C-alpha atoms as a PDB file:
ATOM      1  CA  UNK A   1     -48.165-107.602  31.310  1.00  0.00           C
ATOM      2  CA  UNK A   2     -49.135-106.188  27.885  1.00  0.00           C
ATOM      3  CA  UNK A   3     -51.294-108.574  26.119  1.00  0.00           C
ATOM      4  CA  UNK A   4     -51.856-105.472  23.634  1.00  0.00           C
ATOM      5  CA  UNK A   5     -48.130-105.754  22.434  1.00  0.00           C
ATOM      6  CA  UNK A   6     -48.394-109.784  22.136  1.00  0.00           C
ATOM      7  CA  UNK A   7     -52.034-109.421  19.896  1.00  0.00           C
ATOM      8  CA  UNK A   8     -50.662-106.818  17.897  1.00  0.00           C
ATOM      9  CA  UNK A   9     -47.454-109.243  17.172  1.00  0.00           C
ATOM     10  CA  UNK A  10     -49.627-112.482  16.733  1.00  0.00           C
ATOM     11  CA  UNK A  11     -51.718-110.108  14.199  1.00  0.00           C
ATOM     12  CA  UNK A  12     -49.014-109.148  12.236  1.00  0.00           C
ATOM     13  CA  UNK A  13     -47.310-112.514  12.419  1.00  0.00           C
ATOM     14  CA  UNK A  14     -50.768-114.121  10.968  1.00  0.00           C
ATOM     15  CA  UNK A  15     -50.374-111.224   8.542  1.00  0.00           C
ATOM     16  CA  UNK A  16     -54.100-110.120   9.208  1.00  0.00           C
ATOM     17  CA  UNK A  17     -55.603-106.888   9.447  1.00  0.00           C
ATOM     18  CA  UNK A  18     -57.313-105.278  12.356  1.00  0.00           C
ATOM     19  CA  UNK A  19     -60.258-105.393  10.766  1.00  0.00           C
ATOM     20  CA  UNK A  20     -60.258-109.031  10.264  1.00  0.00           C
ATOM     21  CA  UNK A  21     -59.458-109.925  13.767  1.00  0.00           C
ATOM     22  CA  UNK A  22     -62.201-107.922  15.081  1.00  0.00           C
ATOM     23  CA  UNK A  23     -64.473-109.554  12.456  1.00  0.00           C
ATOM     24  CA  UNK A  24     -63.323-112.608  13.805  1.00  0.00           C
ATOM     25  CA  UNK A  25     -63.332-111.684  17.903  1.00  0.00           C
ATOM     26  CA  UNK A  26     -66.647-109.688  17.411  1.00  0.00           C
ATOM     27  CA  UNK A  27     -65.387-106.293  18.416  1.00  0.00           C
ATOM     28  CA  UNK A  28     -64.681-103.127  16.606  1.00  0.00           C
ATOM     29  CA  UNK A  29     -61.834-102.381  14.959  1.00  0.00           C
ATOM     30  CA  UNK A  30     -61.319 -99.193  17.154  1.00  0.00           C
ATOM     31  CA  UNK A  31     -61.507-101.363  20.477  1.00  0.00           C
ATOM     32  CA  UNK A  32     -58.727-103.583  18.856  1.00  0.00           C
ATOM     33  CA  UNK A  33     -56.761-100.806  18.135  1.00  0.00           C
ATOM     34  CA  UNK A  34     -57.227 -99.589  21.534  1.00  0.00           C
ATOM     35  CA  UNK A  35     -55.856-103.068  22.983  1.00  0.00           C
ATOM     36  CA  UNK A  36     -53.232-102.773  20.805  1.00  0.00           C
ATOM     37  CA  UNK A  37     -51.968 -99.083  21.979  1.00  0.00           C
ATOM     38  CA  UNK A  38     -52.646-100.548  25.793  1.00  0.00           C
ATOM     39  CA  UNK A  39     -55.223 -97.859  25.909  1.00  0.00           C
ATOM     40  CA  UNK A  40     -57.714-100.563  27.369  1.00  0.00           C
ATOM     41  CA  UNK A  41     -57.188-103.493  29.735  1.00  0.00           C
ATOM     42  CA  UNK A  42     -59.538-106.699  28.157  1.00  0.00           C
ATOM     43  CA  UNK A  43     -61.427-109.288  29.971  1.00  0.00           C
ATOM     44  CA  UNK A  44     -60.703-112.557  29.971  1.00  0.00           C
ATOM     45  CA  UNK A  45     -63.372-113.428  27.550  1.00  0.00           C
ATOM     46  CA  UNK A  46     -62.224-110.696  24.831  1.00  0.00           C
ATOM     47  CA  UNK A  47     -58.812-112.350  25.444  1.00  0.00           C
ATOM     48  CA  UNK A  48     -60.077-115.573  24.484  1.00  0.00           C
ATOM     49  CA  UNK A  49     -62.110-114.450  21.605  1.00  0.00           C
ATOM     50  CA  UNK A  50     -58.738-112.749  20.450  1.00  0.00           C
ATOM     51  CA  UNK A  51     -56.883-115.856  20.616  1.00  0.00           C
ATOM     52  CA  UNK A  52     -59.314-117.431  18.630  1.00  0.00           C
ATOM     53  CA  UNK A  53     -59.671-115.070  16.072  1.00  0.00           C
ATOM     54  CA  UNK A  54     -55.775-115.201  15.721  1.00  0.00           C
ATOM     55  CA  UNK A  55     -55.830-119.333  15.737  1.00  0.00           C
ATOM     56  CA  UNK A  56     -53.352-119.139  18.832  1.00  0.00           C
ATOM     57  CA  UNK A  57     -53.812-120.527  22.262  1.00  0.00           C
ATOM     58  CA  UNK A  58     -54.326-117.980  24.807  1.00  0.00           C
ATOM     59  CA  UNK A  59     -51.223-118.983  26.703  1.00  0.00           C
ATOM     60  CA  UNK A  60     -49.068-117.645  23.937  1.00  0.00           C
ATOM     61  CA  UNK A  61     -50.818-114.258  23.947  1.00  0.00           C
ATOM     62  CA  UNK A  62     -50.105-114.380  28.236  1.00  0.00           C
ATOM     63  CA  UNK A  63     -46.651-115.646  27.297  1.00  0.00           C
ATOM     64  CA  UNK A  64     -45.735-113.093  24.616  1.00  0.00           C
ATOM     65  CA  UNK A  65     -47.262-110.054  26.697  1.00  0.00           C
ATOM     66  CA  UNK A  66     -45.410-111.123  29.799  1.00  0.00           C
ATOM     67  CA  UNK A  67     -42.959-107.855  30.935  1.00  0.00           C
ATOM     68  CA  UNK A  68     -39.804-108.086  32.790  1.00  0.00           C
ATOM     69  CA  UNK A  69     -39.886-109.698  35.734  1.00  0.00           C
ATOM     70  CA  UNK A  70     -43.463-111.092  35.231  1.00  0.00           C
ATOM     71  CA  UNK A  71     -41.292-114.487  34.175  1.00  0.00           C
ATOM     72  CA  UNK A  72     -38.822-113.898  37.154  1.00  0.00           C
ATOM     73  CA  UNK A  73     -39.083-117.846  38.188  1.00  0.00           C
ATOM     74  CA  UNK A  74     -38.353-118.968  34.399  1.00  0.00           C
ATOM     75  CA  UNK A  75     -33.905-119.683  33.285  1.00  0.00           C
ATOM     76  CA  UNK A  76     -33.695-116.470  31.038  1.00  0.00           C
ATOM     77  CA  UNK A  77     -32.018-119.459  28.282  1.00  0.00           C
ATOM     78  CA  UNK A  78     -35.478-121.233  28.923  1.00  0.00           C
ATOM     79  CA  UNK A  79     -37.377-118.287  28.319  1.00  0.00           C
ATOM     80  CA  UNK A  80     -35.575-117.211  25.030  1.00  0.00           C
ATOM     81  CA  UNK A  81     -36.348-120.351  23.551  1.00  0.00           C
ATOM     82  CA  UNK A  82     -40.065-120.509  24.267  1.00  0.00           C
ATOM     83  CA  UNK A  83     -40.537-117.051  22.887  1.00  0.00           C
ATOM     84  CA  UNK A  84     -38.732-117.925  19.586  1.00  0.00           C
ATOM     85  CA  UNK A  85     -40.740-121.152  19.443  1.00  0.00           C
ATOM     86  CA  UNK A  86     -43.813-119.319  20.150  1.00  0.00           C
ATOM     87  CA  UNK A  87     -43.223-116.758  17.199  1.00  0.00           C
ATOM     88  CA  UNK A  88     -42.038-119.575  14.989  1.00  0.00           C
ATOM     89  CA  UNK A  89     -45.682-121.251  15.976  1.00  0.00           C
ATOM     90  CA  UNK A  90     -46.864-117.907  14.520  1.00  0.00           C
ATOM     91  CA  UNK A  91     -45.401-118.634  11.199  1.00  0.00           C
ATOM     92  CA  UNK A  92     -47.435-121.756  10.568  1.00  0.00           C
ATOM     93  CA  UNK A  93     -50.567-121.861   8.634  1.00  0.00           C
ATOM     94  CA  UNK A  94     -53.711-121.099  11.253  1.00  0.00           C
ATOM     95  CA  UNK A  95     -55.141-124.541  11.231  1.00  0.00           C
ATOM     96  CA  UNK A  96     -52.003-126.272  12.289  1.00  0.00           C
ATOM     97  CA  UNK A  97     -52.026-124.897  16.018  1.00  0.00           C
ATOM     98  CA  UNK A  98     -54.828-126.437  18.049  1.00  0.00           C
ATOM     99  CA  UNK A  99     -57.304-123.784  19.620  1.00  0.00           C
ATOM    100  CA  UNK A 100     -59.288-124.914  22.559  1.00  0.00           C
ATOM    101  CA  UNK A 101     -62.935-123.263  21.780  1.00  0.00           C
END
C-alpha cells in the first residue's frame, strides 16, 4: 500500500498545496510531505482527516494507493475502469463528492 502516493495524486488533482491540505487536516506540512514521500505510515485517523481535507472518500485513497498484487482479486479491466473513474471524480469541484464525517 502506498497511501502517500494516493494522497499526493489527490492533492494535485484537487490543485491544493501541501500547506492547505495540512491546515485542513490539522497536521504539519512537513508531516504531510513525509507521508507523500512514504517516509511515515499514517494512522487510520490521520488518513481519515486527510481524506476529509481532500474532500474524497477514504476508499479512494486506499484504492489509488493499492500496489500491484493488492488488487489481485479484481479483474484488470475493471480495476483500470475504477482507477479512471476515481481520477475523474477528483476533477469535480470539492463539494460534489460526498465525504462521511
